[in-house]
Structure formats: C-alpha cells, structure tokens
Amino acid sequence: MSKKERIVCGLDIGTTKTCMLLARVSKNQNLEVVGTGYALSSGLNKGNVVDIEAAAACVLKAADEAELKSGVSIDWVTLGHSGDHVQSFNCHGAISIVGKLNQVTPQDMLQVIRAAKAIPMPPGRDILHILPQEFFLDNRGGIQNPVGLTGSRLDVNVHVVTCDEFLKQNLVNAVNCAQMRVRRIVLQQLASAEAVLTPDEKELGVALIDIGGGTTDIVAFLRKSVHHTSVLPIGGDHFTRDIAMGTRMPIEEAERIKKETGTVSDDGIAEDALIQAQVIGKRGMYGIPRRFVCNILRERALDVLELIKADLEDSGIAPHLTAGVVITGGGSMLDGLVGLAEETLGIPVRQGLPQGIQGITEDLSHPVYSAVIGLVMYGVLKDGDQTMQPARAGAMAWFQNRFLSWVSS
C-alpha cells in the first residue's frame, strides 16, 4: 500500500466491544475494507468511559489488529459516541435575505442555522450535531437547499444533538492516549443509519434502533432528514444479567447461553427441553429449563420494546414511520426479536445489516458492525480523505509509557 493511500478509519468504542475498520477510498468515493480490529471492551459503563487506561488499551488492541491486516498506521479516526447523557431537541431559526437580488447565498444558510442554534446551553453541555431538516423561503417549505432561490425571509428547522462535554472528552482522551487523534465525533445511531438504511426508508419515514451492550440508540428519519434521536440506558448486557440473576449462572456463562440458545419465542421449545450450563454453587453442568430462560429474555425484550414505543410516541414521530422500524446492533441478533417487535410496535420491522462498502466479509456482514462501518461511510461523506502512514510496530509495548506521559501532560 502506498504511503499516501487514501484511507478512512472508523472507531466504535462500545460498552462490550471495541471495533476499528480501515477502508480505502477510490476516486469516485467508493469504499473497500482493508483492515479490521476487534477487542472486548473494558473501562466503559453504558457507553461512558470510567477507566481511561483500560479503554485506551482496548483501542490499542483493536488498532494493532487493524494495522497488521492493512499495513498502515492509524493517525486519525472518526469516532462513534453514545451514552445516556446524550440529549436532543428540534428548534427553529429565521433571518432576512438582504443580498443582491434577494438571492439566498451559502452564507445565508450558515447564518440561519446559527440563528437556530442560538439558544442558551446549560453549563457543561456541548453541541454534537446540528442537522437541518427543512428550509422555508417566505413560508414556502419543502426546501432542502435554498441557495440561489429568491425571497425576503429564510427559515430553517433543525435537529440539535447535545452531550456532556466532560464525558465526550473522556472518550477523546482515551483515543489520544492510544496515540491517535479524533477527526470527527459522530452520534452512534447516525453512523449505523448510514450503513443499514435505504434512501427510500429515510424519505418515507423510518426509525433505526441500534441495540448495543449498554444502551439502545434511536434515530428517526422523515423526508431524508433526522427528526428524532434518543438514547435509552438499557441494552444487551441487561438481558445477560437477567439470565445470570434468574438462574445463578456466572455472567460469562449467561452471555454464552444468550448467544447460543437465547430466544424470545417459545414456539418449538419442548416442555422438558433443558439447557446445560454452569451454575454457581453446583458442580459440573446443570440442566435449566429452556422455556424458563426464554421467559426471562422475553420479559426483558418486552420492557425494552415498550420503552422504544413510548419514546417514539412521545416524540411525535410514530405516526410518520411509513417504512417502519429497522433494528441493528448486537442485541438485534436475539432470536425472535423482530417478530416480537412487530407485535409490540404495531408496524413493520426488519433487521438491518451493514451494506454499501466493498470487501465486507461474512463476519463483517453482521449487525454488530453496523456502527463502525457507518462511521467509515460518514467519515468519507463529511471529511473526504485521510492519509495514513506505514504501520508502527509493537503498539502495546509502549502503551504504559504513553499513558503515563499523557497523564503528566
């Protein structure tokens, strides 16, 4: 690979996993996967960093793997961000058009968006995204790009996403500690949407539900614009812990059972079907009724789906979801969840798999990787190309010194 290869890097630091993906950018902006890295996460709770050293070590492990496969060193990343501190709202801005011939200019667009976001922000809050929904020119709506049009007044509706500035900085610090820099921070579900939603779904009205380990991230589109985002502080880890608490399994064993035999539907499960598992206080393997485990998972799934339903209804977007709901993320892999979601939400539901990038292996074509693939796509969409250098050697070897140096600075 040449020294000046056009490469983008996406980094998804989740509660349960840390994923990195490198992709080559062609002249016509097509993407091809050239390297991936994966590590079990540590030092995070519900999407928030609670141990920078542990989180940075996971980033380095994923980076080492991605660099080894691609032959390039990772300098800049497009970083995904979530957490229960993320909040959003819709707001409005308006300006008068006073330029030559009353034609709207790009500067007018920027000015009206600035007017929309000119609202008092509580201390400690940062604006993560300002997403235009629709422009109005002299009260005529349905305008996506008003530049060049003529009028006297320009209005805009925008969706604003905010986050805790210190929690965001903790995530950036973990990446910096791993000797990488953050080019752009992207709300996790916006990235996933790039990878799994179709243009028609965004136009007609769709909600994407990204079920991660610690959070469930929601974004709703209508007429190709973001109209709602939210983060629910509940995810796949809660399913695992419910199994562990209900059966006295170790957490690791409960996670295995969830992945291998977990289902929210008891259709086809025999009354006497047992799951062989390790149980605290028992020697060897112990038989647990599979229907019992199914009921545990079903109850938790219903709780999550009712929270999602209430969130969509409270936002006012629910009646506009003509294209239904798309679920993705590791939590979406639970058997029977799509059907249960359709029953609970009362609208069509499908599982979203990442697409739109060349070189996706069967392993990568999985809901777990929707966010990191979407981050790469978002990075190209917003930032163009990034240049990487030949890979460094032995990143983990210098991690401790790097961390101590970062702390002292």
Protein backbone atom coordinates (compact mmCIF):
# COMPACT_ATOMS: atom_id res chain seq x y z
CA MET A 1 0.00 0.00 0.00
CA SER A 2 1.42 3.39 -0.94
CA LYS A 3 2.47 5.89 1.69
CA LYS A 4 -0.18 8.38 0.59
CA GLU A 5 -3.05 5.89 0.31
CA ARG A 6 -6.45 7.49 0.76
CA ILE A 7 -7.75 5.74 3.86
CA VAL A 8 -10.52 6.39 6.37
CA CYS A 9 -10.80 4.86 9.83
CA GLY A 10 -13.89 4.30 11.94
CA LEU A 11 -13.67 3.56 15.67
CA ASP A 12 -16.59 2.22 17.70
CA ILE A 13 -15.81 2.08 21.43
CA GLY A 14 -18.84 0.33 22.86
CA THR A 15 -19.69 -0.93 26.32
CA THR A 16 -18.95 -4.55 25.37
CA LYS A 17 -16.74 -4.31 22.27
CA THR A 18 -14.24 -2.01 20.57
CA CYS A 19 -14.21 -2.20 16.76
CA MET A 20 -11.95 -0.47 14.25
CA LEU A 21 -12.28 -0.53 10.47
CA LEU A 22 -9.98 0.86 7.77
CA ALA A 23 -11.24 1.43 4.24
CA ARG A 24 -9.59 2.58 1.04
CA VAL A 25 -11.34 5.45 -0.75
CA SER A 26 -11.45 5.35 -4.55
CA LYS A 27 -11.53 8.43 -6.77
CA ASN A 28 -15.30 8.12 -7.11
CA GLN A 29 -15.69 7.84 -3.31
CA ASN A 30 -16.34 4.08 -3.24
CA LEU A 31 -15.03 2.25 -0.19
CA GLU A 32 -13.14 -1.02 0.19
CA VAL A 33 -12.29 -2.62 3.54
CA VAL A 34 -8.53 -3.07 4.01
CA GLY A 35 -8.26 -3.79 7.73
CA THR A 36 -10.32 -4.53 10.82
CA GLY A 37 -9.62 -4.83 14.52
CA TYR A 38 -11.67 -6.07 17.46
CA ALA A 39 -11.27 -6.16 21.23
CA LEU A 40 -13.54 -6.84 24.17
CA SER A 41 -14.18 -3.51 25.85
CA SER A 42 -13.09 -2.59 29.33
CA GLY A 43 -13.32 0.65 31.24
CA LEU A 44 -16.78 1.66 29.96
CA ASN A 45 -20.23 1.69 31.52
CA LYS A 46 -23.34 2.42 29.45
CA GLY A 47 -21.20 3.97 26.74
CA ASN A 48 -19.26 6.23 29.12
CA VAL A 49 -15.55 5.91 29.92
CA VAL A 50 -14.92 5.11 33.59
CA ASP A 51 -11.28 3.98 33.23
CA ILE A 52 -9.22 5.76 30.56
CA GLU A 53 -6.24 3.41 30.81
CA ALA A 54 -8.41 0.32 30.32
CA ALA A 55 -10.37 1.90 27.47
CA ALA A 56 -7.19 3.04 25.71
CA ALA A 57 -5.71 -0.45 26.00
CA CYS A 58 -8.75 -1.85 24.16
CA VAL A 59 -8.39 0.79 21.45
CA LEU A 60 -4.73 -0.15 21.02
CA LYS A 61 -5.52 -3.84 20.78
CA ALA A 62 -8.09 -3.20 18.04
CA ALA A 63 -5.69 -0.79 16.30
CA ASP A 64 -2.83 -3.30 16.34
CA GLU A 65 -5.02 -5.89 14.62
CA ALA A 66 -6.30 -3.41 12.02
CA GLU A 67 -2.79 -2.11 11.29
CA LEU A 68 -1.39 -5.62 10.95
CA LYS A 69 -4.04 -6.51 8.37
CA SER A 70 -3.82 -3.25 6.41
CA GLY A 71 -0.14 -2.33 6.67
CA VAL A 72 -0.88 1.29 7.60
CA SER A 73 -0.62 3.27 10.83
CA ILE A 74 -3.78 4.87 12.14
CA ASP A 75 -3.43 8.59 12.80
CA TRP A 76 -7.00 9.95 12.61
CA VAL A 77 -10.31 8.30 13.43
CA THR A 78 -13.99 9.06 13.01
CA LEU A 79 -15.26 8.23 16.49
CA GLY A 80 -18.71 6.99 17.44
CA HIS A 81 -20.34 8.36 20.57
CA SER A 82 -23.37 7.41 22.64
CA GLY A 83 -24.41 7.30 26.28
CA ASP A 84 -27.38 8.18 28.44
CA HIS A 85 -26.13 11.77 28.70
CA VAL A 86 -26.93 12.45 25.02
CA GLN A 87 -29.97 14.71 24.59
CA SER A 88 -31.61 16.24 21.53
CA PHE A 89 -34.31 18.68 20.50
CA ASN A 90 -35.78 20.39 17.44
CA CYS A 91 -35.60 24.16 17.04
CA HIS A 92 -36.17 26.96 14.54
CA GLY A 93 -34.22 29.88 13.11
CA ALA A 94 -35.05 32.76 10.76
CA ILE A 95 -33.22 35.62 9.01
CA SER A 96 -33.98 38.30 6.44
CA ILE A 97 -32.43 38.00 2.97
CA VAL A 98 -30.74 41.30 2.14
CA GLY A 99 -28.20 40.32 -0.52
CA LYS A 100 -28.12 41.13 -4.21
CA LEU A 101 -31.47 40.41 -5.88
CA ASN A 102 -32.57 38.80 -2.59
CA GLN A 103 -30.92 35.54 -3.64
CA VAL A 104 -30.03 33.07 -0.89
CA THR A 105 -26.27 32.51 -0.55
CA PRO A 106 -24.31 29.78 1.27
CA GLN A 107 -23.53 32.41 3.90
CA ASP A 108 -27.27 32.92 4.42
CA MET A 109 -27.66 29.19 5.00
CA LEU A 110 -24.93 29.23 7.65
CA GLN A 111 -26.40 32.34 9.26
CA VAL A 112 -29.90 30.92 9.59
CA ILE A 113 -28.54 27.68 11.06
CA ARG A 114 -26.51 29.72 13.55
CA ALA A 115 -29.71 31.59 14.42
CA ALA A 116 -31.47 28.29 15.07
CA LYS A 117 -28.79 27.10 17.49
CA ALA A 118 -28.51 30.46 19.28
CA ILE A 119 -30.21 29.20 22.42
CA PRO A 120 -28.85 29.14 25.97
CA MET A 121 -26.97 25.90 26.67
CA PRO A 122 -26.69 24.62 30.23
CA PRO A 123 -23.15 24.62 31.63
CA GLY A 124 -21.20 21.51 30.69
CA ARG A 125 -23.21 20.74 27.54
CA ASP A 126 -21.67 20.57 24.06
CA ILE A 127 -23.44 20.59 20.71
CA LEU A 128 -22.55 17.36 18.92
CA HIS A 129 -24.64 17.83 15.75
CA ILE A 130 -26.82 20.48 14.14
CA LEU A 131 -28.87 18.70 11.48
CA PRO A 132 -31.03 20.82 9.13
CA GLN A 133 -34.44 19.29 8.49
CA GLU A 134 -36.20 21.71 6.16
CA PHE A 135 -35.76 25.26 4.87
CA PHE A 136 -38.59 27.73 4.26
CA LEU A 137 -38.44 30.72 1.93
CA ASP A 138 -41.20 33.24 2.55
CA ASN A 139 -43.13 30.47 4.33
CA ARG A 140 -42.78 28.04 1.40
CA GLY A 141 -41.46 24.78 2.82
CA GLY A 142 -40.12 21.52 1.44
CA ILE A 143 -36.76 23.08 0.53
CA GLN A 144 -33.56 21.11 1.14
CA ASN A 145 -31.10 23.52 -0.50
CA PRO A 146 -32.27 27.15 -0.80
CA VAL A 147 -29.04 28.54 -2.33
CA GLY A 148 -29.83 30.59 -5.43
CA LEU A 149 -33.53 30.91 -4.68
CA THR A 150 -35.07 34.37 -4.27
CA GLY A 151 -37.04 35.61 -1.29
CA SER A 152 -37.13 38.02 1.62
CA ARG A 153 -37.10 35.67 4.63
CA LEU A 154 -35.30 32.36 5.20
CA ASP A 155 -36.36 29.95 7.95
CA VAL A 156 -34.97 26.57 8.95
CA ASN A 157 -35.97 23.74 11.24
CA VAL A 158 -33.01 21.87 12.72
CA HIS A 159 -32.39 18.90 15.00
CA VAL A 160 -29.76 19.61 17.66
CA VAL A 161 -27.89 16.82 19.46
CA THR A 162 -26.05 17.70 22.67
CA CYS A 163 -23.86 15.75 25.07
CA ASP A 164 -21.98 16.14 28.32
CA GLU A 165 -18.72 17.88 27.39
CA PHE A 166 -16.66 16.06 30.02
CA LEU A 167 -17.94 12.58 29.16
CA LYS A 168 -17.26 13.30 25.49
CA GLN A 169 -13.76 14.50 26.33
CA ASN A 170 -13.08 11.34 28.36
CA LEU A 171 -13.72 9.30 25.21
CA VAL A 172 -11.44 11.56 23.17
CA ASN A 173 -8.76 11.32 25.87
CA ALA A 174 -8.81 7.53 25.66
CA VAL A 175 -8.20 7.73 21.90
CA ASN A 176 -5.46 10.34 22.33
CA CYS A 177 -3.83 8.14 24.94
CA ALA A 178 -3.65 5.42 22.28
CA GLN A 179 -1.64 7.83 20.07
CA MET A 180 -4.49 8.58 17.70
CA ARG A 181 -6.43 11.76 17.03
CA VAL A 182 -10.15 12.28 16.57
CA ARG A 183 -11.14 13.95 13.32
CA ARG A 184 -14.88 13.87 13.93
CA ILE A 185 -17.27 12.60 16.60
CA VAL A 186 -20.49 11.09 15.31
CA LEU A 187 -23.59 10.08 17.21
CA GLN A 188 -23.59 6.29 17.10
CA GLN A 189 -27.04 5.79 15.61
CA LEU A 190 -26.38 8.32 12.83
CA ALA A 191 -23.41 6.20 11.78
CA SER A 192 -25.42 2.98 11.91
CA ALA A 193 -28.10 4.62 9.78
CA GLU A 194 -25.54 5.31 7.04
CA ALA A 195 -24.75 1.60 6.87
CA VAL A 196 -28.18 -0.03 7.12
CA LEU A 197 -30.95 2.32 5.95
CA THR A 198 -32.02 2.86 2.35
CA PRO A 199 -32.75 6.30 0.82
CA ASP A 200 -36.39 5.30 0.34
CA GLU A 201 -36.75 4.40 4.02
CA LYS A 202 -35.32 7.77 5.06
CA GLU A 203 -37.69 9.55 2.67
CA LEU A 204 -40.86 7.71 3.72
CA GLY A 205 -40.19 7.74 7.47
CA VAL A 206 -38.22 5.15 9.42
CA ALA A 207 -36.80 4.60 12.88
CA LEU A 208 -33.47 2.87 13.38
CA ILE A 209 -32.99 1.07 16.69
CA ASP A 210 -29.36 0.18 17.48
CA ILE A 211 -29.30 -2.20 20.44
CA GLY A 212 -25.80 -2.19 21.90
CA GLY A 213 -24.37 -3.69 25.05
CA GLY A 214 -25.12 -0.80 27.40
CA THR A 215 -27.56 1.43 25.52
CA THR A 216 -30.30 1.35 22.91
CA ASP A 217 -29.81 4.18 20.42
CA ILE A 218 -32.71 5.57 18.37
CA VAL A 219 -32.83 7.82 15.30
CA ALA A 220 -35.89 8.60 13.19
CA PHE A 221 -35.86 9.99 9.65
CA LEU A 222 -38.61 11.66 7.64
CA ARG A 223 -38.18 13.22 4.19
CA LYS A 224 -34.49 12.24 4.37
CA SER A 225 -33.90 14.38 7.49
CA VAL A 226 -33.32 13.47 11.13
CA HIS A 227 -36.39 14.35 13.20
CA HIS A 228 -35.66 12.49 16.44
CA THR A 229 -32.75 10.93 18.31
CA SER A 230 -32.54 9.45 21.78
CA VAL A 231 -30.51 7.06 23.89
CA LEU A 232 -32.11 4.60 26.29
CA PRO A 233 -29.84 3.37 29.14
CA ILE A 234 -30.61 -0.28 28.52
CA GLY A 235 -29.02 -2.83 26.19
CA GLY A 236 -27.89 -6.38 25.61
CA ASP A 237 -25.97 -6.55 28.89
CA HIS A 238 -29.28 -6.30 30.75
CA PHE A 239 -30.52 -9.45 29.01
CA THR A 240 -27.34 -11.25 30.06
CA ARG A 241 -27.59 -10.11 33.67
CA ASP A 242 -31.25 -11.11 33.84
CA ILE A 243 -30.29 -14.66 32.85
CA ALA A 244 -27.44 -14.68 35.38
CA MET A 245 -29.64 -13.45 38.22
CA GLY A 246 -32.58 -15.68 37.33
CA THR A 247 -30.53 -18.87 37.08
CA ARG A 248 -27.46 -18.10 39.27
CA MET A 249 -25.15 -18.52 36.27
CA PRO A 250 -21.82 -16.70 36.07
CA ILE A 251 -22.08 -13.64 33.79
CA GLU A 252 -19.81 -15.18 31.16
CA GLU A 253 -21.90 -18.35 31.08
CA ALA A 254 -25.12 -16.35 30.83
CA GLU A 255 -23.71 -14.47 27.83
CA ARG A 256 -22.83 -17.77 26.16
CA ILE A 257 -26.32 -19.16 26.74
CA LYS A 258 -27.91 -15.96 25.40
CA LYS A 259 -25.89 -16.11 22.19
CA GLU A 260 -26.10 -19.86 21.58
CA THR A 261 -29.65 -20.74 22.60
CA GLY A 262 -31.36 -17.48 23.57
CA THR A 263 -34.80 -16.75 22.12
CA VAL A 264 -37.83 -14.62 22.99
CA SER A 265 -40.22 -17.10 21.38
CA ASP A 266 -41.12 -20.42 22.96
CA ASP A 267 -42.53 -21.78 19.69
CA GLY A 268 -40.99 -25.17 19.05
CA ILE A 269 -39.43 -25.48 22.51
CA ALA A 270 -40.39 -28.77 24.14
CA GLU A 271 -41.83 -28.57 27.66
CA ASP A 272 -38.97 -30.67 29.04
CA ALA A 273 -36.15 -29.06 26.99
CA LEU A 274 -33.11 -28.30 29.14
CA ILE A 275 -30.05 -26.09 28.69
CA GLN A 276 -26.84 -27.48 30.14
CA ALA A 277 -24.94 -24.71 31.90
CA GLN A 278 -22.62 -23.92 34.76
CA VAL A 279 -24.44 -22.68 37.84
CA ILE A 280 -22.88 -21.02 40.87
CA GLY A 281 -22.82 -23.49 43.77
CA LYS A 282 -23.26 -26.56 41.55
CA ARG A 283 -20.59 -28.93 40.34
CA GLY A 284 -20.34 -29.67 36.64
CA MET A 285 -23.12 -28.80 34.22
CA TYR A 286 -26.68 -28.27 35.43
CA GLY A 287 -29.91 -28.61 33.46
CA ILE A 288 -32.05 -25.45 33.29
CA PRO A 289 -35.46 -25.43 31.57
CA ARG A 290 -35.07 -23.66 28.25
CA ARG A 291 -38.58 -22.21 28.49
CA PHE A 292 -37.60 -20.56 31.77
CA VAL A 293 -34.66 -18.81 30.10
CA CYS A 294 -36.89 -17.88 27.17
CA ASN A 295 -39.38 -16.23 29.53
CA ILE A 296 -36.59 -14.22 31.16
CA LEU A 297 -35.43 -12.92 27.79
CA ARG A 298 -38.97 -12.27 26.57
CA GLU A 299 -39.85 -10.18 29.62
CA ARG A 300 -36.74 -8.04 29.21
CA ALA A 301 -37.34 -7.69 25.47
CA LEU A 302 -40.90 -6.51 26.12
CA ASP A 303 -39.59 -3.94 28.61
CA VAL A 304 -37.13 -2.60 26.04
CA LEU A 305 -39.71 -2.55 23.24
CA GLU A 306 -42.25 -0.73 25.42
CA LEU A 307 -39.61 1.91 26.20
CA ILE A 308 -38.88 2.26 22.48
CA LYS A 309 -42.59 2.53 21.68
CA ALA A 310 -43.10 5.21 24.33
CA ASP A 311 -40.05 7.13 23.11
CA LEU A 312 -41.27 7.17 19.50
CA GLU A 313 -44.81 8.13 20.52
CA ASP A 314 -43.69 10.89 22.89
CA SER A 315 -41.51 12.40 20.16
CA GLY A 316 -44.49 12.63 17.80
CA ILE A 317 -42.67 10.74 15.02
CA ALA A 318 -44.51 7.41 15.44
CA PRO A 319 -47.43 8.16 13.05
CA HIS A 320 -44.95 9.12 10.31
CA LEU A 321 -42.94 5.86 10.25
CA THR A 322 -44.34 4.64 6.95
CA ALA A 323 -41.27 2.45 6.32
CA GLY A 324 -41.44 1.00 9.82
CA VAL A 325 -38.53 0.19 12.11
CA VAL A 326 -35.08 -1.26 11.43
CA ILE A 327 -33.23 -2.89 14.32
CA THR A 328 -29.48 -3.45 14.30
CA GLY A 329 -26.57 -3.83 16.71
CA GLY A 330 -25.56 -6.95 18.60
CA GLY A 331 -28.79 -7.00 20.59
CA SER A 332 -30.84 -7.37 17.42
CA MET A 333 -29.45 -10.89 16.93
CA LEU A 334 -31.66 -12.32 19.66
CA ASP A 335 -33.85 -14.98 18.07
CA GLY A 336 -37.48 -13.95 17.65
CA LEU A 337 -36.89 -10.28 18.45
CA VAL A 338 -38.01 -8.97 15.04
CA GLY A 339 -41.37 -10.74 15.33
CA LEU A 340 -41.89 -9.60 18.92
CA ALA A 341 -41.01 -6.04 17.91
CA GLU A 342 -43.64 -6.09 15.15
CA GLU A 343 -46.25 -7.32 17.64
CA THR A 344 -45.36 -4.67 20.22
CA LEU A 345 -44.78 -1.66 17.97
CA GLY A 346 -47.57 -2.46 15.54
CA ILE A 347 -45.54 -1.56 12.43
CA PRO A 348 -43.22 -3.46 10.05
CA VAL A 349 -39.81 -4.33 11.50
CA ARG A 350 -36.73 -5.71 9.78
CA GLN A 351 -33.18 -6.45 10.89
CA GLY A 352 -30.57 -4.10 9.43
CA LEU A 353 -27.29 -5.46 8.07
CA PRO A 354 -24.42 -3.17 7.02
CA GLN A 355 -24.06 -2.53 3.29
CA GLY A 356 -22.63 -0.02 0.82
CA ILE A 357 -18.93 -0.91 1.16
CA GLN A 358 -16.78 -3.39 -0.78
CA GLY A 359 -14.78 -6.13 0.90
CA ILE A 360 -17.27 -6.87 3.67
CA THR A 361 -16.65 -10.48 4.64
CA GLU A 362 -19.34 -12.75 6.03
CA ASP A 363 -18.04 -11.98 9.52
CA LEU A 364 -18.40 -8.22 8.95
CA SER A 365 -21.88 -8.51 7.42
CA HIS A 366 -23.31 -8.61 10.90
CA PRO A 367 -25.40 -6.11 12.91
CA VAL A 368 -22.59 -5.85 15.47
CA TYR A 369 -20.51 -3.97 12.88
CA SER A 370 -23.21 -1.60 11.61
CA ALA A 371 -21.88 1.35 13.61
CA VAL A 372 -18.19 1.03 12.72
CA ILE A 373 -18.96 0.53 9.02
CA GLY A 374 -21.30 3.51 9.15
CA LEU A 375 -18.58 5.60 10.80
CA VAL A 376 -16.28 4.98 7.84
CA MET A 377 -19.06 5.93 5.44
CA TYR A 378 -19.86 9.05 7.47
CA GLY A 379 -16.18 9.98 7.53
CA VAL A 380 -16.00 9.96 3.73
CA LEU A 381 -19.29 11.81 3.43
CA LYS A 382 -18.24 14.65 5.73
CA ASP A 383 -14.44 14.79 5.71
CA GLY A 384 -13.15 13.48 2.39
CA ASP A 385 -9.86 11.63 2.53
CA GLN A 386 -7.46 10.92 5.36
CA THR A 387 -3.85 9.93 4.81
CA MET A 388 -2.31 7.14 6.86
CA GLN A 389 1.35 6.24 7.33
CA PRO A 390 3.13 2.85 7.26
CA ALA A 391 2.22 0.81 10.30
CA ARG A 392 4.08 1.21 13.57
CA ALA A 393 5.35 -1.89 15.37
CA GLY A 394 4.56 -3.10 18.86
CA ALA A 395 1.98 -0.54 19.91
CA MET A 396 1.07 -2.42 23.07
CA ALA A 397 4.70 -2.46 24.18
CA TRP A 398 4.83 1.29 24.65
CA PHE A 399 1.29 1.72 25.98
CA GLN A 400 2.22 2.13 29.65
CA ASN A 401 4.84 4.79 28.94
CA ARG A 402 2.46 6.54 26.56
CA PHE A 403 -0.29 6.60 29.20
CA LEU A 404 2.00 7.97 31.92
CA SER A 405 3.30 10.61 29.53
CA TRP A 406 -0.24 11.64 28.61
CA VAL A 407 -1.28 11.92 32.28
CA SER A 408 1.76 14.04 33.15
CA SER A 409 1.00 16.42 30.28
